[in-house]
N, C-alpha and C. Protein backbone atom coordinates (compact mmCIF):
# COMPACT_ATOMS: atom_id res chain seq x y z
N MET A 1 -95.05 31.23 -28.23
CA MET A 1 -95.72 31.03 -29.56
C MET A 1 -95.93 29.52 -30.13
N LEU A 2 -94.84 28.92 -30.35
CA LEU A 2 -94.72 27.21 -30.53
C LEU A 2 -95.59 26.68 -29.49
N ALA A 3 -95.91 27.04 -28.33
CA ALA A 3 -96.81 26.51 -27.13
C ALA A 3 -98.27 26.21 -28.02
N LEU A 4 -98.30 27.79 -28.48
CA LEU A 4 -99.87 28.04 -28.92
C LEU A 4 -100.38 27.30 -30.34
N ASP A 5 -99.19 27.22 -31.13
CA ASP A 5 -99.13 26.11 -32.37
C ASP A 5 -99.41 25.05 -32.19
N VAL A 6 -98.82 24.39 -31.28
CA VAL A 6 -99.01 22.78 -30.87
C VAL A 6 -100.48 22.84 -30.03
N ALA A 7 -100.40 23.38 -29.24
CA ALA A 7 -101.90 23.23 -28.47
C ALA A 7 -102.92 23.23 -29.59
N HIS A 8 -102.79 24.67 -30.55
CA HIS A 8 -103.95 24.46 -31.57
C HIS A 8 -103.83 23.30 -32.54
N ALA A 9 -102.86 22.55 -33.11
CA ALA A 9 -102.58 21.67 -33.59
C ALA A 9 -102.89 20.11 -33.26
N VAL A 10 -103.17 20.35 -31.91
CA VAL A 10 -103.71 19.10 -31.02
C VAL A 10 -105.34 19.36 -31.04
N GLY A 11 -105.23 20.48 -30.80
CA GLY A 11 -106.86 20.79 -31.24
C GLY A 11 -107.53 19.96 -32.32
N VAL A 12 -107.02 20.61 -33.35
CA VAL A 12 -107.32 20.61 -34.64
C VAL A 12 -107.80 19.29 -35.11
N VAL A 13 -106.37 18.45 -34.96
CA VAL A 13 -106.14 16.80 -34.89
C VAL A 13 -106.97 15.90 -34.15
N SER A 14 -107.30 16.48 -33.00
CA SER A 14 -108.29 16.00 -31.72
C SER A 14 -109.95 15.89 -32.04
N SER A 15 -109.96 16.86 -33.17
CA SER A 15 -111.50 17.55 -33.41
C SER A 15 -111.94 16.25 -34.46
N LEU A 16 -110.76 16.41 -35.52
CA LEU A 16 -110.84 15.63 -36.64
C LEU A 16 -111.48 14.38 -35.96
N ALA A 17 -110.72 13.67 -35.47
CA ALA A 17 -110.73 12.63 -34.74
C ALA A 17 -111.99 11.95 -34.50
N LEU A 18 -112.52 12.95 -33.82
CA LEU A 18 -113.87 12.86 -33.08
C LEU A 18 -115.12 13.10 -34.35
N ALA A 19 -114.52 13.92 -35.21
CA ALA A 19 -115.38 14.11 -36.08
C ALA A 19 -115.86 12.91 -36.97
N ALA A 20 -114.83 12.15 -37.02
CA ALA A 20 -114.47 10.98 -37.56
C ALA A 20 -115.60 9.98 -37.07
N VAL A 21 -115.70 9.89 -35.64
CA VAL A 21 -115.98 9.11 -35.10
C VAL A 21 -118.12 9.11 -34.84
N MET A 22 -117.94 10.50 -34.33
CA MET A 22 -119.17 11.14 -34.56
C MET A 22 -119.97 10.66 -36.08
N LEU A 23 -119.32 11.35 -36.89
CA LEU A 23 -120.13 10.88 -37.85
C LEU A 23 -120.42 9.40 -38.16
N LEU A 24 -119.18 8.48 -38.21
CA LEU A 24 -119.22 7.26 -38.38
C LEU A 24 -120.37 6.38 -37.57
N ALA A 25 -120.35 6.92 -36.17
CA ALA A 25 -121.47 6.39 -35.03
C ALA A 25 -123.08 7.15 -35.86
N GLY A 26 -123.30 8.71 -36.39
CA GLY A 26 -124.43 8.54 -36.67
C GLY A 26 -125.12 8.12 -38.17
N VAL A 27 -124.19 7.70 -39.12
CA VAL A 27 -124.61 7.38 -40.35
C VAL A 27 -124.89 5.69 -39.83
N SER A 28 -123.81 5.17 -38.96
CA SER A 28 -124.37 3.65 -38.82
C SER A 28 -125.26 3.38 -38.22
N LYS A 29 -126.09 4.35 -37.46
CA LYS A 29 -127.35 4.39 -36.51
C LYS A 29 -128.54 4.47 -38.00
N LEU A 30 -128.26 5.24 -38.83
CA LEU A 30 -129.27 5.73 -39.66
C LEU A 30 -129.35 4.42 -40.98
N ALA A 31 -128.14 3.67 -40.94
CA ALA A 31 -128.26 2.20 -41.75
C ALA A 31 -128.68 1.37 -41.70
N GLY A 32 -128.19 1.32 -39.83
CA GLY A 32 -129.26 0.02 -39.30
C GLY A 32 -130.57 0.59 -39.09
N ASN A 33 -130.77 -0.46 -38.14
CA ASN A 33 -132.42 -0.55 -37.48
C ASN A 33 -132.22 0.60 -35.82
N TRP A 34 -131.90 1.50 -36.30
CA TRP A 34 -131.74 2.62 -34.83
C TRP A 34 -132.81 2.20 -33.87
N ARG A 35 -133.97 2.33 -34.44
CA ARG A 35 -135.14 2.04 -33.25
C ARG A 35 -135.38 1.04 -32.46
N ALA A 36 -135.27 -0.09 -33.55
CA ALA A 36 -134.82 -1.18 -32.45
C ALA A 36 -133.98 -1.61 -31.59
N ASP A 37 -132.98 -1.12 -32.18
CA ASP A 37 -131.19 -1.53 -31.68
C ASP A 37 -131.25 -0.33 -29.86
N ALA A 38 -131.97 1.05 -30.65
CA ALA A 38 -132.49 1.87 -28.84
C ALA A 38 -133.57 1.54 -28.20
N THR A 39 -134.26 0.88 -28.51
CA THR A 39 -135.19 -0.10 -27.69
C THR A 39 -134.56 -0.91 -26.99
N ALA A 40 -134.16 -2.09 -27.82
CA ALA A 40 -133.12 -3.19 -26.88
C ALA A 40 -132.09 -2.45 -26.17
N LEU A 41 -131.22 -1.38 -26.29
CA LEU A 41 -130.93 -1.05 -25.03
C LEU A 41 -131.81 0.04 -23.63
N GLY A 42 -132.79 0.22 -24.00
CA GLY A 42 -133.76 1.00 -23.47
C GLY A 42 -133.85 1.95 -23.36
N ALA A 43 -133.62 2.60 -23.58
CA ALA A 43 -134.03 4.13 -23.98
C ALA A 43 -135.47 4.39 -24.67
N PRO A 44 -135.99 5.11 -23.90
CA PRO A 44 -137.07 5.60 -24.61
C PRO A 44 -137.24 6.07 -26.32
N TRP A 45 -137.85 5.86 -27.04
CA TRP A 45 -138.07 6.09 -28.57
C TRP A 45 -137.77 7.68 -28.82
N TRP A 46 -138.56 8.53 -28.10
CA TRP A 46 -138.48 9.98 -28.10
C TRP A 46 -137.40 10.76 -28.26
N LEU A 47 -136.34 9.77 -26.74
CA LEU A 47 -135.10 10.15 -26.63
C LEU A 47 -134.09 9.95 -27.52
N ALA A 48 -134.19 8.79 -27.82
CA ALA A 48 -132.95 8.00 -28.76
C ALA A 48 -132.94 8.64 -30.46
N ALA A 49 -134.62 8.71 -30.88
CA ALA A 49 -134.70 9.12 -32.49
C ALA A 49 -133.60 10.40 -32.68
N PRO A 50 -133.33 11.42 -32.14
CA PRO A 50 -132.35 12.42 -32.57
C PRO A 50 -130.93 12.30 -32.42
N VAL A 51 -130.65 11.13 -31.35
CA VAL A 51 -129.25 10.83 -31.71
C VAL A 51 -128.36 10.72 -33.10
N PRO A 52 -128.94 9.85 -33.63
CA PRO A 52 -127.77 9.93 -35.20
C PRO A 52 -128.17 11.80 -35.15
N PHE A 53 -129.07 12.12 -35.65
CA PHE A 53 -128.59 13.18 -36.35
C PHE A 53 -127.94 14.26 -35.07
N VAL A 54 -128.39 14.18 -34.31
CA VAL A 54 -126.96 15.22 -33.55
C VAL A 54 -125.34 14.42 -33.81
N GLU A 55 -125.31 13.36 -33.56
CA GLU A 55 -123.53 12.96 -33.77
C GLU A 55 -123.33 13.62 -35.33
N LEU A 56 -124.51 13.50 -36.47
CA LEU A 56 -124.23 13.87 -37.20
C LEU A 56 -123.46 15.40 -37.48
N LEU A 57 -124.53 16.40 -36.62
CA LEU A 57 -124.35 17.94 -36.37
C LEU A 57 -123.20 17.71 -36.04
N LEU A 58 -122.57 17.34 -34.67
CA LEU A 58 -121.38 17.28 -34.19
C LEU A 58 -120.40 17.15 -35.09
N GLY A 59 -120.24 15.93 -35.75
CA GLY A 59 -118.89 15.76 -36.52
C GLY A 59 -119.25 16.62 -37.40
N ALA A 60 -119.89 16.56 -38.12
CA ALA A 60 -120.10 17.84 -39.30
C ALA A 60 -119.20 18.92 -39.18
N LEU A 61 -119.75 19.99 -37.83
CA LEU A 61 -119.46 21.09 -36.96
C LEU A 61 -117.46 20.84 -36.82
N LEU A 62 -117.05 19.41 -36.28
CA LEU A 62 -115.71 18.94 -35.66
C LEU A 62 -115.42 19.12 -37.00
N ALA A 63 -115.72 18.35 -38.10
CA ALA A 63 -115.12 18.54 -38.98
C ALA A 63 -114.60 19.82 -40.22
N ALA A 64 -115.84 20.61 -40.28
CA ALA A 64 -115.43 21.56 -41.05
C ALA A 64 -114.42 22.73 -39.65
N GLN A 65 -114.70 22.28 -38.59
CA GLN A 65 -114.04 23.44 -37.47
C GLN A 65 -114.66 24.72 -37.04
N LEU A 66 -115.99 24.63 -37.27
CA LEU A 66 -116.72 25.72 -36.97
C LEU A 66 -117.13 25.50 -35.50
N GLY A 67 -116.58 26.49 -34.49
CA GLY A 67 -117.23 26.84 -33.28
C GLY A 67 -116.41 25.70 -32.17
N ARG A 68 -115.44 25.45 -32.99
CA ARG A 68 -114.44 23.82 -32.65
C ARG A 68 -114.84 23.68 -31.09
N PRO A 69 -113.99 25.24 -30.12
CA PRO A 69 -114.17 24.23 -28.54
C PRO A 69 -115.50 24.13 -28.09
N ILE A 70 -116.45 24.52 -28.72
CA ILE A 70 -118.25 24.70 -27.74
C ILE A 70 -118.60 23.34 -28.30
N VAL A 71 -118.68 23.45 -29.81
CA VAL A 71 -118.82 22.24 -30.08
C VAL A 71 -118.26 20.88 -29.65
N ALA A 72 -117.54 20.75 -29.21
CA ALA A 72 -116.44 20.01 -28.65
C ALA A 72 -116.77 19.30 -26.97
N TRP A 73 -117.09 20.79 -26.53
CA TRP A 73 -117.57 20.73 -25.50
C TRP A 73 -119.73 19.69 -25.75
N CYS A 74 -119.76 19.81 -26.07
CA CYS A 74 -121.02 19.89 -26.96
C CYS A 74 -121.22 17.78 -26.76
N ALA A 75 -119.70 17.26 -27.49
CA ALA A 75 -119.65 15.96 -27.48
C ALA A 75 -119.09 15.99 -26.28
N LEU A 76 -118.49 16.58 -25.49
CA LEU A 76 -118.32 15.86 -24.19
C LEU A 76 -119.22 15.52 -23.42
N ALA A 77 -119.99 16.36 -23.65
CA ALA A 77 -121.52 16.27 -23.09
C ALA A 77 -122.23 15.32 -23.17
N LEU A 78 -122.64 14.59 -24.38
CA LEU A 78 -122.83 13.93 -25.23
C LEU A 78 -122.39 12.57 -25.32
N LEU A 79 -120.99 11.98 -24.57
CA LEU A 79 -120.05 11.32 -24.66
C LEU A 79 -120.55 10.96 -22.96
N VAL A 80 -120.14 12.07 -21.95
CA VAL A 80 -120.87 11.77 -20.77
C VAL A 80 -122.46 11.14 -20.54
N VAL A 81 -123.51 11.52 -21.18
CA VAL A 81 -124.39 11.12 -20.83
C VAL A 81 -124.73 9.82 -21.89
N PHE A 82 -124.43 9.23 -22.73
CA PHE A 82 -123.81 8.01 -23.33
C PHE A 82 -123.14 6.93 -21.83
N SER A 83 -122.03 7.36 -21.38
CA SER A 83 -121.51 6.53 -20.43
C SER A 83 -122.01 6.27 -19.36
N GLY A 84 -122.94 7.77 -18.50
CA GLY A 84 -124.06 7.40 -17.67
C GLY A 84 -124.90 6.20 -18.21
N PHE A 85 -125.65 6.37 -19.00
CA PHE A 85 -126.85 5.35 -19.48
C PHE A 85 -126.06 4.09 -19.44
N ILE A 86 -124.93 3.71 -20.04
CA ILE A 86 -124.34 2.37 -19.76
C ILE A 86 -124.29 1.96 -18.62
N ALA A 87 -123.43 2.93 -17.82
CA ALA A 87 -123.01 2.47 -16.28
C ALA A 87 -124.30 2.04 -15.64
N LEU A 88 -125.46 3.32 -16.03
CA LEU A 88 -126.55 2.76 -15.10
C LEU A 88 -127.30 1.20 -15.55
N GLN A 89 -127.51 1.11 -17.35
CA GLN A 89 -127.57 -0.40 -17.77
C GLN A 89 -126.84 -1.52 -16.81
N LEU A 90 -125.52 -1.42 -16.73
CA LEU A 90 -124.39 -2.20 -16.13
C LEU A 90 -125.15 -2.55 -14.78
N SER A 91 -125.27 -1.22 -14.29
CA SER A 91 -125.69 -1.42 -12.38
C SER A 91 -126.73 -2.22 -12.52
N HIS A 92 -127.59 -2.62 -13.51
CA HIS A 92 -128.72 -3.41 -13.39
C HIS A 92 -129.01 -4.45 -13.75
N GLY A 93 -127.44 -4.41 -14.17
CA GLY A 93 -127.09 -6.32 -14.73
C GLY A 93 -127.60 -6.14 -16.31
N ARG A 94 -127.99 -5.57 -16.83
CA ARG A 94 -128.65 -5.30 -18.18
C ARG A 94 -127.36 -5.56 -19.24
N ARG A 95 -127.38 -6.00 -20.05
CA ARG A 95 -126.22 -6.31 -21.17
C ARG A 95 -126.07 -6.43 -22.58
N PRO A 96 -127.57 -5.41 -23.03
CA PRO A 96 -128.17 -5.09 -24.50
C PRO A 96 -126.68 -5.34 -25.40
N PRO A 97 -127.26 -5.39 -26.74
CA PRO A 97 -125.73 -4.98 -27.57
C PRO A 97 -125.84 -3.63 -27.36
N CYS A 98 -124.81 -2.82 -27.95
CA CYS A 98 -124.26 -1.50 -28.09
C CYS A 98 -124.86 -0.76 -28.98
N ALA A 99 -124.74 -1.21 -30.06
CA ALA A 99 -125.26 -0.10 -30.66
C ALA A 99 -124.62 1.19 -31.55
N CYS A 100 -123.94 1.10 -30.35
CA CYS A 100 -122.87 2.56 -30.49
C CYS A 100 -122.75 3.15 -32.29
N PHE A 101 -122.44 2.32 -32.92
CA PHE A 101 -122.00 2.15 -34.33
C PHE A 101 -122.62 1.35 -35.07
N GLY A 102 -124.30 1.62 -34.86
CA GLY A 102 -125.29 0.40 -35.50
C GLY A 102 -124.96 -1.01 -35.92
N ALA A 103 -124.84 -1.47 -36.75
CA ALA A 103 -124.92 -3.07 -37.15
C ALA A 103 -123.57 -3.33 -36.74
N TRP A 104 -122.14 -2.75 -37.05
CA TRP A 104 -121.11 -2.67 -36.30
C TRP A 104 -120.76 -2.95 -35.40
N SER A 105 -121.57 -3.06 -34.34
CA SER A 105 -121.59 -2.65 -32.61
C SER A 105 -122.32 -4.05 -32.15
N THR A 106 -122.34 -5.38 -32.32
CA THR A 106 -123.65 -6.09 -31.75
C THR A 106 -122.78 -6.39 -30.55
N LYS A 107 -121.72 -6.00 -30.04
CA LYS A 107 -121.50 -6.46 -28.69
C LYS A 107 -121.83 -6.20 -27.66
N PRO A 108 -122.23 -7.07 -26.80
CA PRO A 108 -123.26 -6.72 -25.36
C PRO A 108 -122.53 -5.21 -24.61
N ILE A 109 -122.84 -4.60 -24.01
CA ILE A 109 -122.63 -3.68 -23.76
C ILE A 109 -121.35 -4.07 -22.33
N GLY A 110 -120.24 -3.30 -22.21
CA GLY A 110 -119.36 -3.46 -20.56
C GLY A 110 -118.60 -2.49 -20.47
N THR A 111 -117.52 -2.70 -19.32
CA THR A 111 -116.90 -2.03 -18.96
C THR A 111 -115.81 -1.51 -20.16
N GLY A 112 -115.61 -2.23 -21.37
CA GLY A 112 -115.02 -1.98 -22.38
C GLY A 112 -115.35 -0.47 -23.06
N HIS A 113 -116.55 -0.31 -23.06
CA HIS A 113 -117.42 0.45 -23.76
C HIS A 113 -117.37 2.00 -22.99
N LEU A 114 -117.35 2.12 -21.32
CA LEU A 114 -116.72 3.52 -20.87
C LEU A 114 -115.62 3.56 -20.82
N VAL A 115 -114.66 2.56 -20.97
CA VAL A 115 -113.16 2.97 -21.10
C VAL A 115 -113.07 3.49 -22.71
N ARG A 116 -113.95 2.90 -24.15
CA ARG A 116 -113.65 3.66 -24.88
C ARG A 116 -114.32 5.10 -25.00
N ASN A 117 -115.20 4.98 -24.15
CA ASN A 117 -116.06 6.93 -24.55
C ASN A 117 -115.01 7.47 -23.30
N ALA A 118 -114.21 6.90 -22.27
CA ALA A 118 -113.62 7.72 -21.97
C ALA A 118 -112.49 7.93 -22.75
N LEU A 119 -111.88 7.50 -24.04
CA LEU A 119 -111.38 7.82 -24.87
C LEU A 119 -111.71 9.02 -25.55
N PHE A 120 -112.64 8.51 -26.43
CA PHE A 120 -113.00 9.86 -27.38
C PHE A 120 -113.33 10.91 -26.23
N ALA A 121 -113.78 10.85 -25.02
CA ALA A 121 -113.99 11.82 -24.03
C ALA A 121 -112.80 12.38 -24.18
N ALA A 122 -111.72 11.87 -23.90
CA ALA A 122 -110.50 12.57 -24.13
C ALA A 122 -110.15 13.31 -25.40
N LEU A 123 -110.46 12.72 -26.38
CA LEU A 123 -110.57 13.43 -27.58
C LEU A 123 -111.07 15.20 -28.04
N ALA A 124 -112.31 14.85 -27.38
CA ALA A 124 -113.21 16.13 -27.25
C ALA A 124 -112.67 17.03 -25.95
N LEU A 125 -111.91 16.40 -25.16
CA LEU A 125 -111.17 17.83 -24.25
C LEU A 125 -109.70 18.29 -24.91
N LEU A 126 -109.13 17.54 -26.00
CA LEU A 126 -107.98 17.90 -26.43
C LEU A 126 -108.72 18.96 -27.41
N ALA A 127 -109.94 18.72 -28.21
CA ALA A 127 -110.10 19.68 -29.53
C ALA A 127 -110.37 20.66 -28.67
N THR A 128 -110.74 20.43 -27.36
CA THR A 128 -111.07 22.57 -26.71
C THR A 128 -110.04 23.43 -27.05
N LEU A 129 -108.67 22.48 -27.01
CA LEU A 129 -107.63 22.98 -27.02
C LEU A 129 -107.61 24.57 -28.58
N ALA A 130 -107.32 25.69 -28.14
CA ALA A 130 -107.25 26.75 -29.04
C ALA A 130 -106.39 26.84 -29.69
């Protein structure tokens, strides 16, 4: 019984931390110049346009603890896509500004961004714990 309580607590805390990340990322993109930032990253606008809204939706659902395991899996999938995109850019020698957190992240993409996303992915995995 105690193990289930601990797992549940870890899942809740992890999901709340991930919610904060997702909400901050979405809000900062909308507050900045996301269209220009996404274009500089090499993302097609039709694909990049909904990203802040998806982040806000996932963050809000995680914060409210609605469908937490499924939402956490969706957040993990989004992080995998982001990491794949960063890895692709790096493999082509491109290092545009990250813009992951809008104007707060103007540093060129690098392996540190992949490590950071791996940590966020770990939070997402922990958030799936019931």
